[in-house]
Structures are given as C-alpha cells and as structure tokens.
Amino acid sequence: MSEKSVSELENLILEIEHRIEDLENASVKDRIDRSMEIKSLKERLEQLQKRLYSKATPYDIVKIARHPLRPLTADYVNMMIEDFVELHGDKRFGDDKAIICGLGSIGHEKVLIIGHQKGKSTKERIACNFGMPNPEGYRKALQKMKLAEKFSLPIVTLIDTPGANPDIGAEERGQAQAIAENIYEMCQLKVPIVNIVIGEGGSGGALGIGIGDKFAILEYAYYSVISPEGCAAILWKNGENAPEAAVSLRLTAKDLLEFGIVDDIIQEPLGAAHKAPKAMADILKSSIIKYLKEIKNIPVVKLIEERYNKYRNIGRYLEE
C-alpha cells in the first residue's frame, strides 16, 4: 500500500465517520429514524478499516506508530493506573520530562510504572524533547527501579521513543554510559519486569528501559535498531528509501515475534489505538495484569537467570 493510497483511505474513513456523526445528531434533533443508513455506513467503515490495516506495509506501520493522536504513556497512566504518584529528578542534573516515573496500582497490583513521553502540544513536545530522553532521564528511571526493588514492587515500562537524545549536551553528560548502566542493572533487578512497546521502539533509547522478563508489543508499534529514515540515509544517502529500509529492518510486531525478540503481540482495536484509546487502555491493562500473574511467583534466582538467558539468546549467526 503506497503512502497515497493510505492517505486516500484515511480521508474516506474520516468522511464516513463525520457522516455517521451528523446522522446521529440529526436523528436526535428531528426524531427521524436513520438507523438503517447509519448501520450501512458503519459496516462500510469497518470494511475500509480492515482493508487499510490488512494491507499496511512495514513503513505504513511505522507511520501508524507515530500517529499524532496515538495514546502516549501519560494517557495510559491516566486510564489504567489508580492512585498514581509521579516521582521526579535524578539527584544529579534535573528532571527529564521525556521519561515519566511513578507509583500506582493496576488492578490489585502495586507497581512502579516508567515510560517515554512525547507530549501532544508543541509546547509539551519541546519540553519532552519529542520523547528522546537525556542521560538524566535514564538515571531517574534507574533510581526509581532501585526503589521498587527495595520495596519488592513489580516494574512496568512503556516504550515509545524514536531514540535517545543524540545531541552534544547529552553525550557530554554520559548518554551512552547511562543507557549501558540501565541495561546492566535491569538484568539483575530482583523484581518482575514487564516491557511493552506502545509506539516507537527506537534503538538504545528503547533499550534503556527495555530489559525485562516479559516483552510485548502493540500490534501497530515497531521496534528497531534504527529508524527507517536513518537507515536509508546511511545505506542509500537518501531518506526517500525509508519504505525499502523498513522492509529490510524487519521491525514489525509479526517479524519480532517470529525472531523471538518479543514474547507477545497485543492486539489493537479496529482502526488502531488512536481510534479507540480507552478500549486500547483496557486491553493493555488486562495484558499487563496477565503478564504479572505469570511471572510474579517465579523464584528470584530463577527469574534473573531466565531474564539473562532470554537476552543472551536473541540473535542468529552462522559459524564456518
């Protein structure tokens, strides 16, 4: 499916949605039964949405993962977590808004939740650096994870970043070391850890909070060593080859499950998460509760051993 055809289908879907809304409002206003027409339009809408997403290419999926209306970590926290108390700062430099950390309850389980935050308005996106964390963000996350370990609280991380901040300031403050330290420490934390990619899973930016016992991905999210645009710029010296790069990177949920990189794919509502944020939050909440039940009673020594082996065995190679 080309970019143009995706755009055309999305516009048609939007037109039908507006038509349904207008008919429903008119039915209430003039008390005329238009249920048959509304039903017919809803069936047409469902057919178009299935067509749109069933034929989506890897690069289409990347664009869906980046959709401006797709729910962010803060949205899921508001819809899933009860009694949420946010925790701030890394005790060294500052509070990185690109990473949210806090304590709360999901179902009957008290957890520490950590996630990337991109922001929605222009002002929020700038404050969150478009979801690209600085070293202080990763140090904040690690400090809170150590706190969770102290009180035997499971950890849930929501991954949604194009990558860690690559600018000079971040490098000067130890970006690579901060990410490496998080990976090292998360391998040894004595509590259950659930990682879920909810949008973009970009490179080390994702790995900095992405080591755990259960790793899942939303149906239309992606997880990759580099963005398709970055890959195209390196290999072809041209960002227009991004769709081709996306195919080669094998970054979709189905590819990742096939390679054993993720443990599960969480299905999204028809039309993807941005069409039904509350429904997506309910599905995500149920999945997290299920994952925690599966791993919380595993003895600590076995939990850490299995976590280490899980990542040690990722990847395939040939020996001559």
Protein backbone atom coordinates (compact mmCIF):
# COMPACT_ATOMS: atom_id res chain seq x y z
CA MET A 1 0.00 0.00 0.00
CA SER A 2 1.52 3.30 -1.05
CA GLU A 3 1.52 6.45 1.04
CA LYS A 4 -1.05 8.00 -1.32
CA SER A 5 -3.48 5.09 -1.03
CA VAL A 6 -3.17 5.15 2.76
CA SER A 7 -3.99 8.85 2.73
CA GLU A 8 -6.96 8.32 0.43
CA LEU A 9 -8.40 5.55 2.58
CA GLU A 10 -7.89 7.56 5.77
CA ASN A 11 -9.68 10.54 4.23
CA LEU A 12 -12.57 8.33 3.12
CA ILE A 13 -12.78 6.80 6.60
CA LEU A 14 -12.82 10.28 8.12
CA GLU A 15 -15.60 11.39 5.77
CA ILE A 16 -17.74 8.38 6.72
CA GLU A 17 -17.11 8.97 10.43
CA HIS A 18 -18.26 12.58 10.07
CA ARG A 19 -21.32 11.45 8.10
CA ILE A 20 -22.25 8.95 10.82
CA GLU A 21 -21.86 11.63 13.49
CA ASP A 22 -24.03 14.08 11.50
CA LEU A 23 -26.76 11.46 11.02
CA GLU A 24 -26.76 10.51 14.69
CA ASN A 25 -27.04 14.16 15.73
CA ALA A 26 -29.80 14.80 13.18
CA SER A 27 -31.74 11.73 14.39
CA VAL A 28 -31.73 13.08 17.94
CA LYS A 29 -32.67 16.58 16.79
CA ASP A 30 -35.58 15.84 14.41
CA ARG A 31 -36.51 12.40 15.84
CA ILE A 32 -36.33 10.65 12.47
CA ASP A 33 -35.12 7.04 12.45
CA ARG A 34 -31.96 6.81 10.36
CA SER A 35 -30.67 3.61 11.97
CA MET A 36 -30.55 1.63 8.72
CA GLU A 37 -28.44 4.27 6.97
CA ILE A 38 -26.16 4.59 10.00
CA LYS A 39 -25.77 0.79 10.18
CA SER A 40 -24.86 0.64 6.48
CA LEU A 41 -22.23 3.38 6.91
CA LYS A 42 -20.74 1.64 9.97
CA GLU A 43 -20.42 -1.60 8.01
CA ARG A 44 -18.73 0.29 5.18
CA LEU A 45 -16.44 1.96 7.74
CA GLU A 46 -15.43 -1.40 9.21
CA GLN A 47 -14.64 -2.80 5.75
CA LEU A 48 -12.43 0.19 4.91
CA GLN A 49 -10.57 -0.02 8.21
CA LYS A 50 -9.89 -3.73 7.71
CA ARG A 51 -8.69 -3.03 4.18
CA LEU A 52 -6.45 -0.20 5.34
CA TYR A 53 -4.68 -2.19 8.06
CA SER A 54 -4.59 -5.62 6.44
CA LYS A 55 -2.53 -4.27 3.52
CA ALA A 56 -0.28 -1.99 5.56
CA THR A 57 3.42 -2.18 4.65
CA PRO A 58 6.15 -2.03 7.32
CA TYR A 59 6.57 1.69 6.64
CA ASP A 60 2.81 2.21 6.92
CA ILE A 61 3.04 0.60 10.36
CA VAL A 62 5.87 2.97 11.30
CA LYS A 63 3.60 5.90 10.37
CA ILE A 64 0.72 4.43 12.40
CA ALA A 65 3.07 4.09 15.40
CA ARG A 66 3.87 7.80 15.01
CA HIS A 67 0.26 8.93 14.57
CA PRO A 68 -0.23 12.27 16.39
CA LEU A 69 -3.41 11.01 18.09
CA ARG A 70 -1.93 7.69 19.24
CA PRO A 71 -2.17 7.35 23.06
CA LEU A 72 1.01 8.22 24.95
CA THR A 73 2.36 6.95 28.27
CA ALA A 74 0.61 9.75 30.18
CA ASP A 75 -2.71 8.79 28.57
CA TYR A 76 -2.34 5.16 29.58
CA VAL A 77 -1.32 6.16 33.10
CA ASN A 78 -4.49 8.25 33.43
CA MET A 79 -6.69 5.46 32.08
CA MET A 80 -5.04 2.41 33.72
CA ILE A 81 -3.23 3.40 36.91
CA GLU A 82 -5.01 4.19 40.17
CA ASP A 83 -3.51 6.44 42.88
CA PHE A 84 -0.60 7.39 40.62
CA VAL A 85 2.17 9.37 42.32
CA GLU A 86 4.83 10.72 39.96
CA LEU A 87 8.48 10.66 41.04
CA HIS A 88 10.90 13.26 39.71
CA GLY A 89 14.60 14.00 39.25
CA ASP A 90 17.90 12.11 39.00
CA LYS A 91 19.58 13.85 42.01
CA ARG A 92 22.41 14.97 39.71
CA PHE A 93 21.23 17.24 36.92
CA GLY A 94 17.47 17.66 36.61
CA ASP A 95 14.09 16.15 35.84
CA ASP A 96 13.83 14.82 32.29
CA LYS A 97 10.22 15.14 31.11
CA ALA A 98 10.86 12.63 28.31
CA ILE A 99 10.55 9.87 30.91
CA ILE A 100 7.67 9.51 33.35
CA CYS A 101 8.18 7.51 36.56
CA GLY A 102 5.65 6.87 39.29
CA LEU A 103 4.00 4.51 41.74
CA GLY A 104 0.42 3.31 41.49
CA SER A 105 -1.91 0.35 41.26
CA ILE A 106 -3.00 -1.62 38.23
CA GLY A 107 -5.83 -3.92 39.17
CA HIS A 108 -4.89 -5.14 42.64
CA GLU A 109 -1.15 -4.98 41.93
CA LYS A 110 1.01 -2.11 43.18
CA VAL A 111 3.69 -1.28 40.60
CA LEU A 112 6.32 1.18 39.51
CA ILE A 113 5.49 2.40 36.03
CA ILE A 114 8.07 4.02 33.75
CA GLY A 115 7.52 5.25 30.23
CA HIS A 116 8.69 7.55 27.48
CA GLN A 117 6.59 10.67 26.97
CA LYS A 118 6.49 12.60 23.67
CA GLY A 119 3.99 15.31 24.53
CA LYS A 120 0.98 16.41 22.48
CA SER A 121 1.01 20.17 22.04
CA THR A 122 4.03 21.90 20.51
CA LYS A 123 4.97 23.25 23.94
CA GLU A 124 4.75 19.79 25.54
CA ARG A 125 6.74 18.16 22.74
CA ILE A 126 9.56 20.65 23.11
CA ALA A 127 9.55 20.19 26.91
CA CYS A 128 9.66 16.39 26.41
CA ASN A 129 12.26 16.68 23.63
CA PHE A 130 9.85 14.74 21.40
CA GLY A 131 10.26 11.65 23.57
CA MET A 132 14.05 11.47 23.24
CA PRO A 133 15.42 11.08 26.79
CA ASN A 134 18.63 12.60 28.12
CA PRO A 135 21.02 10.77 30.50
CA GLU A 136 19.22 12.27 33.49
CA GLY A 137 16.03 10.57 32.29
CA TYR A 138 17.68 7.15 32.32
CA ARG A 139 19.32 7.86 35.67
CA LYS A 140 15.94 8.91 37.07
CA ALA A 141 14.42 5.66 35.80
CA LEU A 142 17.17 3.55 37.34
CA GLN A 143 16.91 5.26 40.72
CA LYS A 144 13.17 4.60 40.82
CA MET A 145 13.73 0.97 39.73
CA LYS A 146 16.13 0.52 42.65
CA LEU A 147 13.42 1.95 44.91
CA ALA A 148 10.91 -0.55 43.53
CA GLU A 149 13.39 -3.36 44.17
CA LYS A 150 13.78 -2.21 47.78
CA PHE A 151 10.03 -2.50 48.35
CA SER A 152 9.55 -5.62 46.16
CA LEU A 153 7.34 -3.84 43.63
CA PRO A 154 6.99 -5.13 40.05
CA ILE A 155 8.12 -2.75 37.30
CA VAL A 156 6.17 -1.96 34.13
CA THR A 157 7.82 0.05 31.34
CA LEU A 158 6.03 1.57 28.35
CA ILE A 159 8.39 2.16 25.42
CA ASP A 160 7.67 4.93 22.91
CA THR A 161 10.71 6.80 21.64
CA PRO A 162 12.40 7.47 18.29
CA GLY A 163 15.70 7.09 20.19
CA ALA A 164 17.79 8.63 22.93
CA ASN A 165 18.77 12.28 22.56
CA PRO A 166 21.92 12.33 20.38
CA ASP A 167 22.97 15.96 20.88
CA ILE A 168 26.33 17.11 22.26
CA GLY A 169 24.96 18.04 25.69
CA ALA A 170 23.53 14.56 26.22
CA GLU A 171 26.79 12.94 25.14
CA GLU A 172 28.79 15.20 27.45
CA ARG A 173 26.59 14.18 30.37
CA GLY A 174 27.18 10.47 29.69
CA GLN A 175 24.33 9.28 27.48
CA ALA A 176 25.95 6.01 26.40
CA GLN A 177 27.05 5.16 29.93
CA ALA A 178 23.60 5.90 31.37
CA ILE A 179 21.91 3.55 28.90
CA ALA A 180 24.56 0.83 29.37
CA GLU A 181 24.25 1.08 33.15
CA ASN A 182 20.47 0.71 32.95
CA ILE A 183 20.79 -2.39 30.77
CA TYR A 184 23.32 -3.89 33.18
CA GLU A 185 21.29 -3.13 36.29
CA MET A 186 17.93 -4.20 34.85
CA CYS A 187 19.40 -7.62 34.12
CA GLN A 188 19.92 -8.05 37.87
CA LEU A 189 16.89 -6.40 39.48
CA LYS A 190 15.22 -8.79 41.92
CA VAL A 191 11.64 -7.96 40.92
CA PRO A 192 9.42 -8.90 37.95
CA ILE A 193 9.72 -6.53 34.96
CA VAL A 194 7.23 -6.17 32.10
CA ASN A 195 8.22 -4.17 28.99
CA ILE A 196 5.70 -3.09 26.35
CA VAL A 197 6.35 -1.13 23.15
CA ILE A 198 3.29 1.12 22.73
CA GLY A 199 4.52 3.16 19.75
CA GLU A 200 8.08 3.65 18.56
CA GLY A 201 10.86 1.45 19.91
CA GLY A 202 13.99 3.18 18.72
CA SER A 203 17.46 1.74 19.35
CA GLY A 204 19.26 2.39 22.66
CA GLY A 205 16.57 4.87 23.60
CA ALA A 206 14.20 1.92 23.95
CA LEU A 207 16.75 -0.45 25.49
CA GLY A 208 17.45 1.99 28.32
CA ILE A 209 14.15 0.95 29.94
CA GLY A 210 13.56 -2.18 27.87
CA ILE A 211 15.10 -5.16 29.70
CA GLY A 212 12.69 -7.46 31.48
CA ASP A 213 11.00 -10.82 31.96
CA LYS A 214 8.05 -10.29 29.63
CA PHE A 215 8.46 -8.21 26.48
CA ALA A 216 5.35 -7.42 24.43
CA ILE A 217 4.50 -5.03 21.61
CA LEU A 218 1.28 -3.44 20.41
CA GLU A 219 0.07 -4.65 17.03
CA TYR A 220 0.92 -1.44 15.17
CA ALA A 221 4.03 -0.44 17.09
CA TYR A 222 7.58 -1.11 15.89
CA TYR A 223 10.96 -1.90 17.48
CA SER A 224 14.20 -1.36 15.59
CA VAL A 225 17.92 -0.70 15.90
CA ILE A 226 17.47 2.46 13.80
CA SER A 227 14.63 4.41 12.23
CA PRO A 228 13.83 3.63 8.56
CA GLU A 229 14.81 7.21 7.64
CA GLY A 230 18.15 6.91 9.45
CA CYS A 231 18.85 3.55 7.83
CA ALA A 232 18.00 4.94 4.37
CA ALA A 233 20.24 7.95 4.93
CA ILE A 234 23.19 5.67 5.75
CA LEU A 235 22.67 2.99 3.09
CA TRP A 236 21.25 4.99 0.19
CA LYS A 237 22.18 8.55 1.20
CA ASN A 238 18.53 9.34 0.59
CA GLY A 239 15.64 9.43 3.06
CA GLU A 240 13.18 8.62 0.27
CA ASN A 241 14.29 4.99 0.53
CA ALA A 242 12.76 4.74 4.03
CA PRO A 243 9.94 2.38 2.90
CA GLU A 244 12.54 0.00 1.47
CA ALA A 245 14.62 0.27 4.65
CA ALA A 246 11.57 -0.51 6.80
CA VAL A 247 11.09 -3.79 4.91
CA SER A 248 14.74 -4.78 5.36
CA LEU A 249 14.81 -3.88 9.07
CA ARG A 250 12.05 -6.42 9.88
CA LEU A 251 10.70 -4.10 12.56
CA THR A 252 7.01 -5.02 12.71
CA ALA A 253 5.37 -6.91 15.58
CA LYS A 254 4.95 -10.04 13.44
CA ASP A 255 8.63 -10.05 12.46
CA LEU A 256 9.75 -9.55 16.05
CA LEU A 257 7.58 -12.40 17.30
CA GLU A 258 8.93 -14.65 14.55
CA PHE A 259 12.51 -13.87 15.59
CA GLY A 260 11.76 -14.44 19.28
CA ILE A 261 12.57 -10.86 20.24
CA VAL A 262 9.11 -10.22 21.68
CA ASP A 263 7.05 -12.68 23.70
CA ASP A 264 3.60 -11.48 22.70
CA ILE A 265 1.68 -9.16 20.36
CA ILE A 266 -1.11 -7.14 21.98
CA GLN A 267 -3.96 -6.69 19.52
CA GLU A 268 -5.24 -3.15 18.91
CA PRO A 269 -8.88 -2.15 18.35
CA LEU A 270 -10.10 -1.93 14.76
CA GLY A 271 -8.58 1.23 13.29
CA ALA A 272 -5.57 1.08 15.68
CA ALA A 273 -5.08 2.56 19.15
CA HIS A 274 -5.69 6.17 18.16
CA LYS A 275 -9.25 5.33 17.06
CA ALA A 276 -10.23 3.88 20.45
CA PRO A 277 -7.81 4.97 23.20
CA LYS A 278 -10.00 3.78 26.10
CA ALA A 279 -10.53 0.36 24.53
CA MET A 280 -6.77 0.13 23.92
CA ALA A 281 -6.07 1.08 27.54
CA ASP A 282 -8.43 -1.66 28.77
CA ILE A 283 -6.73 -4.25 26.55
CA LEU A 284 -3.28 -3.10 27.69
CA LYS A 285 -4.31 -3.16 31.35
CA SER A 286 -5.62 -6.73 31.05
CA SER A 287 -2.41 -7.80 29.31
CA ILE A 288 -0.17 -6.28 31.98
CA ILE A 289 -2.17 -7.94 34.78
CA LYS A 290 -1.91 -11.27 32.95
CA TYR A 291 1.87 -10.92 32.46
CA LEU A 292 2.43 -10.02 36.11
CA LYS A 293 0.45 -13.07 37.24
CA GLU A 294 2.60 -15.27 35.01
CA ILE A 295 5.93 -14.10 36.42
CA LYS A 296 5.41 -12.73 39.92
CA ASN A 297 5.62 -16.11 41.68
CA ILE A 298 8.80 -17.25 39.91
CA PRO A 299 11.67 -17.51 42.46
CA VAL A 300 14.04 -14.53 42.21
CA VAL A 301 17.12 -16.58 41.33
CA LYS A 302 15.28 -18.32 38.50
CA LEU A 303 13.69 -15.06 37.35
CA ILE A 304 17.07 -13.36 36.93
CA GLU A 305 18.63 -16.43 35.29
CA GLU A 306 15.79 -16.69 32.75
CA ARG A 307 15.93 -12.94 32.07
CA TYR A 308 19.66 -13.12 31.35
CA ASN A 309 19.29 -16.17 29.10
CA LYS A 310 16.39 -14.58 27.25
CA TYR A 311 18.55 -11.69 26.02
CA ARG A 312 21.68 -13.79 25.68
CA ASN A 313 19.90 -15.99 23.15
CA ILE A 314 18.49 -13.21 20.96
CA GLY A 315 20.10 -13.15 17.53
CA ARG A 316 21.18 -15.72 14.99
CA TYR A 317 24.59 -16.28 13.48
CA LEU A 318 26.44 -18.83 11.40
CA GLU A 319 29.83 -20.37 12.10
CA GLU A 320 32.03 -21.69 9.32
